[in-house]
Amino acid sequence: MTSGSIFICHSSKDKHFVEKMAQDLVDFGIDVWYDKWEIKVGDSIIDKVNSGIIKSSYMGVVLSPNSIKSRWVKKELNTGLIKEIKRKKVIVLPILYKPSQIPPLLSDKKYADFTKGYQYGLSELLDVFNLKLKQKGEKSKTKGHLYVDNILNNVIENNFIDNVFESND
């Protein structure tokens, strides 16, 4: 991966948000390690995750009530924090998807706040990579799906999709 790469640490219960965010980051030219895209049938999950963490410049930790309870997220976060301490530079990027208890070791870090709106959070995250989110009406080099209509934004931001899937379990 290039110097503009990110490993996405998240709970699988937040996959709808994570996949959209990951695709938007890719559209901006950022190399994204997202488990769904990287781990294939027969692969060693632990080997793939370790490799992704090692090769990525950053670790984006998606924070939500689901991720705070996840043992996998805790293990990945611990690995990212150790990498940050050893390299003496910012590695772990908190991404607040839904209001939740911020882990103590992340409490002093500024986070990309998606609770204020998807585009707001994405803009904050893109700043790390020295990229800017285009304003509506500006020409964009991306695939164009960042400027979806208000209805789709409301569906995502109000967790309508999550609620539909949770009620059908």
Protein backbone atom coordinates (compact mmCIF):
# COMPACT_ATOMS: atom_id res chain seq x y z
CA MET A 1 0.00 0.00 0.00
CA THR A 2 1.09 3.59 -0.57
CA SER A 3 1.71 6.25 2.08
CA GLY A 4 -1.95 7.19 1.72
CA SER A 5 -3.39 3.94 3.01
CA ILE A 6 -5.79 3.04 5.78
CA PHE A 7 -6.80 -0.16 7.55
CA ILE A 8 -10.47 -0.02 8.54
CA CYS A 9 -11.04 -1.46 12.03
CA HIS A 10 -14.77 -1.94 12.62
CA SER A 11 -17.58 -4.16 13.84
CA SER A 12 -19.23 -6.23 11.12
CA LYS A 13 -22.55 -4.92 12.47
CA ASP A 14 -21.60 -1.50 11.05
CA LYS A 15 -20.79 -2.85 7.57
CA HIS A 16 -23.27 -0.64 5.67
CA PHE A 17 -21.61 2.54 6.88
CA VAL A 18 -18.09 1.10 6.64
CA GLU A 19 -18.48 -0.09 3.05
CA LYS A 20 -19.79 3.30 1.89
CA MET A 21 -16.97 5.13 3.67
CA ALA A 22 -14.34 2.70 2.35
CA GLN A 23 -15.58 3.13 -1.22
CA ASP A 24 -15.58 6.92 -0.89
CA LEU A 25 -11.98 6.82 0.35
CA VAL A 26 -10.99 4.63 -2.60
CA ASP A 27 -12.70 7.11 -4.93
CA PHE A 28 -10.35 9.77 -3.55
CA GLY A 29 -7.31 7.61 -4.35
CA ILE A 30 -6.68 6.26 -0.86
CA ASP A 31 -5.66 2.60 -0.57
CA VAL A 32 -8.15 1.00 1.79
CA TRP A 33 -7.76 -2.30 3.63
CA TYR A 34 -11.32 -3.48 4.24
CA ASP A 35 -11.77 -7.09 5.35
CA LYS A 36 -14.62 -7.81 2.93
CA TRP A 37 -12.37 -6.84 0.01
CA GLU A 38 -9.16 -8.43 1.27
CA ILE A 39 -10.00 -11.75 2.92
CA LYS A 40 -10.94 -14.57 0.53
CA VAL A 41 -12.21 -18.09 1.18
CA GLY A 42 -9.36 -20.22 2.52
CA ASP A 43 -7.23 -17.25 3.66
CA SER A 44 -5.90 -17.11 7.19
CA ILE A 45 -7.91 -14.30 8.76
CA ILE A 46 -5.21 -13.54 11.33
CA ASP A 47 -2.44 -13.45 8.70
CA LYS A 48 -4.48 -11.15 6.44
CA VAL A 49 -5.40 -8.78 9.27
CA ASN A 50 -1.79 -8.65 10.54
CA SER A 51 -0.53 -7.96 7.03
CA GLY A 52 -3.12 -5.22 6.50
CA ILE A 53 -2.24 -3.48 9.75
CA ILE A 54 1.50 -3.65 9.04
CA LYS A 55 1.23 -2.36 5.46
CA SER A 56 -1.22 0.46 6.12
CA SER A 57 -0.13 4.00 6.97
CA TYR A 58 -3.14 4.53 9.23
CA MET A 59 -5.75 2.56 11.15
CA GLY A 60 -9.22 4.06 11.03
CA VAL A 61 -11.17 2.81 14.05
CA VAL A 62 -14.91 3.07 13.48
CA LEU A 63 -16.44 3.83 16.87
CA SER A 64 -20.00 2.76 17.64
CA PRO A 65 -21.75 0.85 20.41
CA ASN A 66 -21.13 -2.29 18.31
CA SER A 67 -17.39 -1.75 17.91
CA ILE A 68 -16.86 -0.89 21.57
CA LYS A 69 -18.19 -4.37 22.47
CA SER A 70 -16.18 -6.22 19.79
CA ARG A 71 -13.19 -8.32 20.89
CA TRP A 72 -11.75 -8.16 17.34
CA VAL A 73 -11.89 -4.36 17.32
CA LYS A 74 -10.14 -4.24 20.71
CA LYS A 75 -7.35 -6.51 19.45
CA GLU A 76 -6.88 -4.54 16.24
CA LEU A 77 -6.97 -1.22 18.13
CA ASN A 78 -4.34 -2.46 20.60
CA THR A 79 -2.10 -3.44 17.69
CA GLY A 80 -2.59 -0.02 16.10
CA LEU A 81 -1.76 1.78 19.33
CA ILE A 82 1.44 -0.24 19.76
CA LYS A 83 2.40 0.61 16.16
CA GLU A 84 1.73 4.30 16.92
CA ILE A 85 3.94 4.23 20.03
CA LYS A 86 6.79 2.46 18.21
CA ARG A 87 6.69 4.79 15.19
CA LYS A 88 6.18 7.91 17.32
CA LYS A 89 3.58 9.31 14.92
CA VAL A 90 -0.17 9.29 14.45
CA ILE A 91 -1.41 5.92 13.18
CA VAL A 92 -4.82 5.46 14.85
CA LEU A 93 -7.61 7.66 13.47
CA PRO A 94 -10.82 7.52 15.52
CA ILE A 95 -13.95 7.65 13.35
CA LEU A 96 -17.10 8.34 15.37
CA TYR A 97 -19.97 6.67 13.50
CA LYS A 98 -22.54 6.54 16.31
CA PRO A 99 -22.42 8.11 19.76
CA SER A 100 -20.56 5.75 22.06
CA GLN A 101 -18.10 5.57 24.91
CA ILE A 102 -14.68 6.55 23.55
CA PRO A 103 -12.00 4.07 24.69
CA PRO A 104 -9.74 5.75 27.31
CA LEU A 105 -6.59 5.48 25.16
CA LEU A 106 -8.38 7.38 22.37
CA SER A 107 -10.03 10.01 24.56
CA ASP A 108 -7.41 12.69 23.90
CA LYS A 109 -7.56 12.28 20.11
CA LYS A 110 -9.66 14.37 17.74
CA TYR A 111 -12.01 12.11 15.82
CA ALA A 112 -13.69 12.32 12.43
CA ASP A 113 -17.24 13.02 13.59
CA PHE A 114 -19.78 11.33 11.32
CA THR A 115 -22.51 11.99 13.91
CA LYS A 116 -22.62 15.57 12.59
CA GLY A 117 -23.39 14.28 9.09
CA TYR A 118 -21.76 11.89 6.67
CA GLN A 119 -20.11 14.54 4.50
CA TYR A 120 -18.84 16.42 7.58
CA GLY A 121 -17.12 13.30 8.94
CA LEU A 122 -15.74 12.32 5.54
CA SER A 123 -14.31 15.80 5.08
CA GLU A 124 -12.53 15.57 8.44
CA LEU A 125 -11.10 12.16 7.55
CA LEU A 126 -9.93 13.33 4.12
CA ASP A 127 -8.02 16.19 5.79
CA VAL A 128 -5.57 13.59 7.17
CA PHE A 129 -4.68 12.72 3.57
CA ASN A 130 -4.57 16.41 2.53
CA LEU A 131 -7.67 15.91 0.40
CA LYS A 132 -10.73 18.12 0.29
CA LEU A 133 -14.34 17.16 -0.22
CA LYS A 134 -15.75 19.14 -3.14
CA GLN A 135 -18.70 21.40 -2.47
CA LYS A 136 -21.96 20.76 -4.29
CA GLY A 137 -21.81 22.20 -7.78
CA GLU A 138 -18.02 21.83 -8.11
CA LYS A 139 -16.61 19.42 -10.64
CA SER A 140 -15.38 16.23 -9.02
CA LYS A 141 -12.89 13.63 -10.22
CA THR A 142 -14.64 10.93 -8.21
CA LYS A 143 -17.23 8.51 -9.49
CA GLY A 144 -19.92 10.95 -8.41
CA HIS A 145 -21.75 8.97 -5.76
CA LEU A 146 -20.58 11.27 -2.97
CA TYR A 147 -23.34 13.70 -3.88
CA VAL A 148 -26.34 11.45 -3.52
CA ASP A 149 -29.73 13.05 -3.07
CA ASN A 150 -31.01 14.08 0.35
CA ILE A 151 -33.22 11.04 0.70
CA LEU A 152 -30.31 8.59 0.51
CA ASN A 153 -28.23 10.71 2.90
CA ASN A 154 -31.10 10.70 5.39
CA VAL A 155 -31.47 6.93 5.06
CA ILE A 156 -27.79 6.41 5.90
CA GLU A 157 -27.46 9.09 8.59
CA ASN A 158 -30.65 8.01 10.37
CA ASN A 159 -29.56 4.37 10.39
CA PHE A 160 -32.69 3.28 8.51
CA ILE A 161 -30.75 0.50 6.78
CA ASP A 162 -29.37 -0.85 10.07
CA ASN A 163 -32.83 -0.82 11.60
CA VAL A 164 -34.35 -2.74 8.68
CA PHE A 165 -31.72 -5.47 8.88
CA GLU A 166 -31.85 -5.69 12.67
CA SER A 167 -35.61 -6.20 12.63
CA ASN A 168 -35.33 -9.05 10.12
CA ASP A 169 -32.76 -11.13 12.04
